[in-house]
Amino acid sequence: MDPLAPVANEALAEALRKRTPRFFRASRGAAKGHTGPEDTGCFAENLMILQECALLIGERLEMNAVAHAVFLEGEETTGFCFDPNSNPHSPDVAGAIVNRRMPVREFLLTIRNYINP
């Protein structure tokens, strides 16, 4: 998202201005966030792509599942982690988008701290 474009959602505007992660949860095909439907839709779209890539990588490496994935595109970092507190047969996902490049380790730690405050 362009941090200079006008934003209707105050939570999204503040996160873009401060360059802080916008957190989301997803389960059973639905994503939820506090930064508006457009931003949540963007996360859901990125999540589908990341999960598909994670499955392909997991299969290629002969692993059962990949627990997290992160990608950097331009000045944006997006990623997810499976919530270890959720049902393992239908796990919930927590993820984030931030409008700056973050080291993967720091980004994943931020999501894990969101899962377990």
N, C-alpha and C. Protein backbone atom coordinates (compact mmCIF):
# COMPACT_ATOMS: atom_id res chain seq x y z
N MET A 1 0.84 -1.19 0.00
CA MET A 1 0.00 0.00 0.00
C MET A 1 0.88 1.24 0.00
N ASP A 2 0.41 2.23 -0.70
CA ASP A 2 1.14 3.49 -0.79
C ASP A 2 0.89 4.31 0.46
N PRO A 3 1.94 4.59 1.28
CA PRO A 3 1.74 5.34 2.51
C PRO A 3 1.33 6.79 2.27
N LEU A 4 1.46 7.29 1.04
CA LEU A 4 1.09 8.67 0.75
C LEU A 4 -0.33 8.80 0.20
N ALA A 5 -0.95 7.69 -0.18
CA ALA A 5 -2.32 7.72 -0.70
C ALA A 5 -3.29 8.00 0.44
N PRO A 6 -4.40 8.70 0.15
CA PRO A 6 -5.38 8.95 1.21
C PRO A 6 -5.98 7.63 1.72
N VAL A 7 -6.14 7.53 3.03
CA VAL A 7 -6.62 6.30 3.66
C VAL A 7 -7.84 6.62 4.50
N ALA A 8 -8.92 5.84 4.31
CA ALA A 8 -10.16 6.08 5.05
C ALA A 8 -10.11 5.48 6.46
N ASN A 9 -9.42 4.36 6.63
CA ASN A 9 -9.37 3.67 7.92
C ASN A 9 -8.25 4.26 8.77
N GLU A 10 -8.60 4.78 9.94
CA GLU A 10 -7.62 5.44 10.81
C GLU A 10 -6.54 4.47 11.30
N ALA A 11 -6.91 3.22 11.61
CA ALA A 11 -5.91 2.24 12.07
C ALA A 11 -4.89 1.97 10.97
N LEU A 12 -5.36 1.88 9.73
CA LEU A 12 -4.45 1.66 8.61
C LEU A 12 -3.56 2.88 8.39
N ALA A 13 -4.16 4.06 8.44
CA ALA A 13 -3.39 5.30 8.24
C ALA A 13 -2.28 5.42 9.27
N GLU A 14 -2.60 5.11 10.52
CA GLU A 14 -1.59 5.20 11.59
C GLU A 14 -0.47 4.18 11.39
N ALA A 15 -0.84 2.94 11.05
CA ALA A 15 0.17 1.90 10.83
C ALA A 15 1.08 2.26 9.66
N LEU A 16 0.52 2.81 8.60
CA LEU A 16 1.33 3.21 7.45
C LEU A 16 2.26 4.36 7.82
N ARG A 17 1.72 5.31 8.57
CA ARG A 17 2.52 6.47 8.97
C ARG A 17 3.68 6.06 9.87
N LYS A 18 3.40 5.17 10.84
CA LYS A 18 4.43 4.73 11.80
C LYS A 18 5.27 3.57 11.28
N ARG A 19 4.85 3.01 10.14
CA ARG A 19 5.53 1.86 9.55
C ARG A 19 5.58 0.67 10.52
N THR A 20 4.44 0.42 11.16
CA THR A 20 4.31 -0.70 12.10
C THR A 20 3.51 -1.82 11.44
N PRO A 21 3.71 -3.06 11.87
CA PRO A 21 2.98 -4.18 11.28
C PRO A 21 1.48 -4.07 11.49
N ARG A 22 0.74 -4.46 10.46
CA ARG A 22 -0.72 -4.60 10.54
C ARG A 22 -0.98 -6.10 10.64
N PHE A 23 -1.59 -6.51 11.75
CA PHE A 23 -1.76 -7.93 12.03
C PHE A 23 -3.12 -8.44 11.57
N PHE A 24 -3.13 -9.73 11.21
CA PHE A 24 -4.33 -10.39 10.71
C PHE A 24 -4.39 -11.80 11.27
N ARG A 25 -5.60 -12.34 11.27
CA ARG A 25 -5.81 -13.75 11.60
C ARG A 25 -6.61 -14.36 10.46
N ALA A 26 -6.37 -15.62 10.19
CA ALA A 26 -7.11 -16.31 9.14
C ALA A 26 -7.38 -17.74 9.58
N SER A 27 -8.59 -18.20 9.28
CA SER A 27 -8.96 -19.59 9.54
C SER A 27 -10.18 -19.93 8.71
N ARG A 28 -10.26 -21.18 8.32
CA ARG A 28 -11.40 -21.69 7.56
C ARG A 28 -11.77 -20.80 6.37
N GLY A 29 -10.75 -20.30 5.66
CA GLY A 29 -10.99 -19.55 4.44
C GLY A 29 -11.34 -18.09 4.61
N ALA A 30 -11.29 -17.56 5.82
CA ALA A 30 -11.63 -16.15 6.05
C ALA A 30 -10.50 -15.46 6.80
N ALA A 31 -10.20 -14.24 6.39
CA ALA A 31 -9.18 -13.43 7.06
C ALA A 31 -9.85 -12.29 7.80
N LYS A 32 -9.28 -11.90 8.93
CA LYS A 32 -9.81 -10.80 9.74
C LYS A 32 -8.67 -9.88 10.12
N GLY A 33 -8.94 -8.58 10.06
CA GLY A 33 -7.96 -7.58 10.46
C GLY A 33 -8.68 -6.33 10.93
N HIS A 34 -7.92 -5.37 11.42
CA HIS A 34 -8.50 -4.13 11.94
C HIS A 34 -8.21 -2.93 11.07
N THR A 35 -7.64 -3.17 9.89
CA THR A 35 -7.23 -2.05 9.05
C THR A 35 -8.07 -1.93 7.78
N GLY A 36 -9.27 -2.47 7.82
CA GLY A 36 -10.20 -2.30 6.71
C GLY A 36 -10.22 -3.47 5.74
N PRO A 37 -11.32 -3.56 4.98
CA PRO A 37 -11.50 -4.70 4.08
C PRO A 37 -10.48 -4.76 2.94
N GLU A 38 -10.05 -3.62 2.42
CA GLU A 38 -9.08 -3.62 1.32
C GLU A 38 -7.73 -4.17 1.79
N ASP A 39 -7.28 -3.72 2.96
CA ASP A 39 -6.01 -4.19 3.50
C ASP A 39 -6.11 -5.67 3.88
N THR A 40 -7.23 -6.07 4.48
CA THR A 40 -7.43 -7.48 4.84
C THR A 40 -7.47 -8.35 3.59
N GLY A 41 -8.11 -7.85 2.54
CA GLY A 41 -8.14 -8.58 1.27
C GLY A 41 -6.76 -8.74 0.67
N CYS A 42 -5.95 -7.71 0.79
CA CYS A 42 -4.56 -7.76 0.31
C CYS A 42 -3.79 -8.84 1.07
N PHE A 43 -3.98 -8.87 2.41
CA PHE A 43 -3.31 -9.90 3.21
C PHE A 43 -3.80 -11.28 2.79
N ALA A 44 -5.12 -11.45 2.62
CA ALA A 44 -5.67 -12.76 2.26
C ALA A 44 -5.10 -13.24 0.92
N GLU A 45 -4.98 -12.34 -0.03
CA GLU A 45 -4.42 -12.69 -1.33
C GLU A 45 -2.95 -13.12 -1.19
N ASN A 46 -2.19 -12.34 -0.45
CA ASN A 46 -0.78 -12.69 -0.22
C ASN A 46 -0.65 -14.00 0.55
N LEU A 47 -1.55 -14.22 1.50
CA LEU A 47 -1.53 -15.46 2.29
C LEU A 47 -1.73 -16.67 1.40
N MET A 48 -2.70 -16.58 0.48
CA MET A 48 -2.94 -17.71 -0.43
C MET A 48 -1.70 -18.03 -1.25
N ILE A 49 -1.04 -17.00 -1.74
CA ILE A 49 0.18 -17.21 -2.53
C ILE A 49 1.28 -17.82 -1.67
N LEU A 50 1.47 -17.26 -0.47
CA LEU A 50 2.51 -17.78 0.43
C LEU A 50 2.24 -19.22 0.84
N GLN A 51 0.98 -19.54 1.14
CA GLN A 51 0.66 -20.91 1.55
C GLN A 51 0.90 -21.89 0.41
N GLU A 52 0.55 -21.48 -0.80
CA GLU A 52 0.79 -22.36 -1.95
C GLU A 52 2.28 -22.60 -2.15
N CYS A 53 3.06 -21.54 -2.05
CA CYS A 53 4.53 -21.68 -2.16
C CYS A 53 5.07 -22.54 -1.03
N ALA A 54 4.57 -22.34 0.19
CA ALA A 54 5.02 -23.12 1.34
C ALA A 54 4.72 -24.61 1.14
N LEU A 55 3.54 -24.92 0.59
CA LEU A 55 3.20 -26.32 0.33
C LEU A 55 4.14 -26.93 -0.71
N LEU A 56 4.41 -26.18 -1.77
CA LEU A 56 5.32 -26.68 -2.81
C LEU A 56 6.72 -26.91 -2.26
N ILE A 57 7.20 -25.98 -1.46
CA ILE A 57 8.53 -26.13 -0.86
C ILE A 57 8.54 -27.31 0.11
N GLY A 58 7.49 -27.41 0.92
CA GLY A 58 7.39 -28.53 1.86
C GLY A 58 7.40 -29.87 1.15
N GLU A 59 6.65 -29.97 0.05
CA GLU A 59 6.64 -31.22 -0.72
C GLU A 59 8.01 -31.50 -1.32
N ARG A 60 8.63 -30.48 -1.86
CA ARG A 60 9.94 -30.65 -2.51
C ARG A 60 11.00 -31.10 -1.51
N LEU A 61 10.91 -30.60 -0.29
CA LEU A 61 11.87 -30.96 0.76
C LEU A 61 11.43 -32.19 1.54
N GLU A 62 10.32 -32.80 1.13
CA GLU A 62 9.74 -33.96 1.79
C GLU A 62 9.43 -33.70 3.25
N MET A 63 8.87 -32.52 3.49
CA MET A 63 8.42 -32.14 4.84
C MET A 63 6.89 -32.21 4.84
N ASN A 64 6.30 -32.39 6.00
CA ASN A 64 4.84 -32.42 6.08
C ASN A 64 4.22 -31.05 5.85
N ALA A 65 4.78 -30.04 6.47
CA ALA A 65 4.21 -28.70 6.35
C ALA A 65 5.29 -27.67 6.67
N VAL A 66 5.10 -26.50 6.15
CA VAL A 66 5.97 -25.37 6.46
C VAL A 66 5.21 -24.50 7.45
N ALA A 67 5.82 -24.20 8.59
CA ALA A 67 5.14 -23.50 9.67
C ALA A 67 5.02 -22.00 9.46
N HIS A 68 5.85 -21.43 8.62
CA HIS A 68 5.80 -19.99 8.39
C HIS A 68 6.41 -19.66 7.03
N ALA A 69 6.06 -18.49 6.53
CA ALA A 69 6.63 -18.00 5.27
C ALA A 69 6.62 -16.48 5.29
N VAL A 70 7.63 -15.89 4.68
CA VAL A 70 7.77 -14.43 4.62
C VAL A 70 8.28 -14.07 3.24
N PHE A 71 7.76 -12.98 2.70
CA PHE A 71 8.38 -12.47 1.48
C PHE A 71 8.50 -10.96 1.54
N LEU A 72 9.53 -10.47 0.86
CA LEU A 72 9.80 -9.04 0.77
C LEU A 72 9.57 -8.62 -0.67
N GLU A 73 8.77 -7.59 -0.84
CA GLU A 73 8.50 -7.08 -2.19
C GLU A 73 8.59 -5.57 -2.14
N GLY A 74 9.57 -5.02 -2.82
CA GLY A 74 9.79 -3.58 -2.76
C GLY A 74 10.11 -3.19 -1.33
N GLU A 75 9.34 -2.26 -0.80
CA GLU A 75 9.53 -1.81 0.59
C GLU A 75 8.48 -2.42 1.52
N GLU A 76 7.95 -3.58 1.17
CA GLU A 76 6.90 -4.20 1.98
C GLU A 76 7.31 -5.61 2.39
N THR A 77 7.01 -5.96 3.63
CA THR A 77 7.26 -7.30 4.15
C THR A 77 5.91 -7.92 4.51
N THR A 78 5.67 -9.14 4.06
CA THR A 78 4.42 -9.85 4.32
C THR A 78 4.75 -11.26 4.75
N GLY A 79 3.97 -11.83 5.67
CA GLY A 79 4.22 -13.20 6.05
C GLY A 79 3.18 -13.75 7.01
N PHE A 80 3.35 -15.02 7.36
CA PHE A 80 2.42 -15.67 8.28
C PHE A 80 3.14 -16.73 9.10
N CYS A 81 2.52 -17.11 10.20
CA CYS A 81 2.93 -18.25 11.03
C CYS A 81 1.65 -19.01 11.39
N PHE A 82 1.74 -20.30 11.46
CA PHE A 82 0.61 -21.06 12.00
C PHE A 82 0.58 -20.83 13.50
N ASP A 83 -0.61 -20.67 14.04
CA ASP A 83 -0.78 -20.45 15.48
C ASP A 83 -0.66 -21.79 16.19
N PRO A 84 0.39 -21.99 17.00
CA PRO A 84 0.57 -23.28 17.67
C PRO A 84 -0.50 -23.56 18.73
N ASN A 85 -1.26 -22.54 19.12
CA ASN A 85 -2.31 -22.71 20.12
C ASN A 85 -3.63 -23.17 19.49
N SER A 86 -3.70 -23.24 18.17
CA SER A 86 -4.94 -23.60 17.50
C SER A 86 -5.00 -25.10 17.24
N ASN A 87 -6.14 -25.56 16.76
CA ASN A 87 -6.36 -26.96 16.46
C ASN A 87 -5.39 -27.41 15.35
N PRO A 88 -4.56 -28.41 15.60
CA PRO A 88 -3.59 -28.83 14.59
C PRO A 88 -4.23 -29.41 13.33
N HIS A 89 -5.48 -29.86 13.42
CA HIS A 89 -6.17 -30.43 12.26
C HIS A 89 -6.82 -29.34 11.41
N SER A 90 -7.01 -28.16 11.98
CA SER A 90 -7.55 -27.01 11.26
C SER A 90 -6.91 -25.76 11.85
N PRO A 91 -5.61 -25.59 11.62
CA PRO A 91 -4.88 -24.52 12.30
C PRO A 91 -5.27 -23.12 11.85
N ASP A 92 -5.20 -22.21 12.80
CA ASP A 92 -5.38 -20.79 12.50
C ASP A 92 -4.02 -20.24 12.08
N VAL A 93 -4.08 -19.15 11.35
CA VAL A 93 -2.87 -18.49 10.87
C VAL A 93 -2.88 -17.06 11.40
N ALA A 94 -1.74 -16.59 11.82
CA ALA A 94 -1.57 -15.17 12.15
C ALA A 94 -0.52 -14.63 11.20
N GLY A 95 -0.72 -13.41 10.77
CA GLY A 95 0.23 -12.83 9.83
C GLY A 95 0.24 -11.33 9.92
N ALA A 96 1.07 -10.73 9.08
CA ALA A 96 1.21 -9.28 9.11
C ALA A 96 1.71 -8.77 7.76
N ILE A 97 1.48 -7.48 7.58
CA ILE A 97 2.05 -6.72 6.47
C ILE A 97 2.63 -5.46 7.09
N VAL A 98 3.81 -5.07 6.65
CA VAL A 98 4.41 -3.81 7.12
C VAL A 98 5.05 -3.12 5.93
N ASN A 99 4.91 -1.82 5.87
CA ASN A 99 5.42 -1.06 4.72
C ASN A 99 6.88 -0.64 4.90
N ARG A 100 7.71 -1.63 5.22
CA ARG A 100 9.16 -1.45 5.26
C ARG A 100 9.79 -2.84 5.20
N ARG A 101 11.02 -2.89 4.80
CA ARG A 101 11.72 -4.17 4.78
C ARG A 101 12.17 -4.49 6.20
N MET A 102 11.84 -5.70 6.65
CA MET A 102 12.23 -6.16 7.98
C MET A 102 13.02 -7.44 7.83
N PRO A 103 14.03 -7.65 8.66
CA PRO A 103 14.70 -8.95 8.67
C PRO A 103 13.68 -10.05 8.99
N VAL A 104 13.79 -11.17 8.33
CA VAL A 104 12.82 -12.26 8.49
C VAL A 104 12.69 -12.68 9.94
N ARG A 105 13.80 -12.83 10.63
CA ARG A 105 13.76 -13.27 12.04
C ARG A 105 12.97 -12.28 12.90
N GLU A 106 13.22 -11.00 12.73
CA GLU A 106 12.50 -9.96 13.48
C GLU A 106 11.02 -9.96 13.13
N PHE A 107 10.71 -10.12 11.85
CA PHE A 107 9.31 -10.13 11.41
C PHE A 107 8.56 -11.31 12.03
N LEU A 108 9.15 -12.50 11.98
CA LEU A 108 8.50 -13.68 12.56
C LEU A 108 8.34 -13.55 14.07
N LEU A 109 9.33 -12.97 14.74
CA LEU A 109 9.23 -12.74 16.18
C LEU A 109 8.07 -11.79 16.48
N THR A 110 7.89 -10.79 15.66
CA THR A 110 6.78 -9.85 15.83
C THR A 110 5.44 -10.57 15.73
N ILE A 111 5.31 -11.46 14.75
CA ILE A 111 4.06 -12.22 14.60
C ILE A 111 3.87 -13.16 15.78
N ARG A 112 4.92 -13.83 16.21
CA ARG A 112 4.80 -14.74 17.36
C ARG A 112 4.43 -13.99 18.63
N ASN A 113 4.95 -12.78 18.79
CA ASN A 113 4.55 -11.95 19.95
C ASN A 113 3.10 -11.51 19.84
N TYR A 114 2.60 -11.35 18.64
CA TYR A 114 1.18 -11.04 18.44
C TYR A 114 0.32 -12.26 18.83
N ILE A 115 0.79 -13.45 18.47
CA ILE A 115 0.05 -14.68 18.81
C ILE A 115 0.04 -14.89 20.33
N ASN A 116 1.19 -14.73 20.96
CA ASN A 116 1.34 -14.95 22.41
C ASN A 116 1.86 -13.68 23.06
N PRO A 117 0.96 -12.72 23.35
CA PRO A 117 1.42 -11.43 23.91
C PRO A 117 2.04 -11.56 25.29
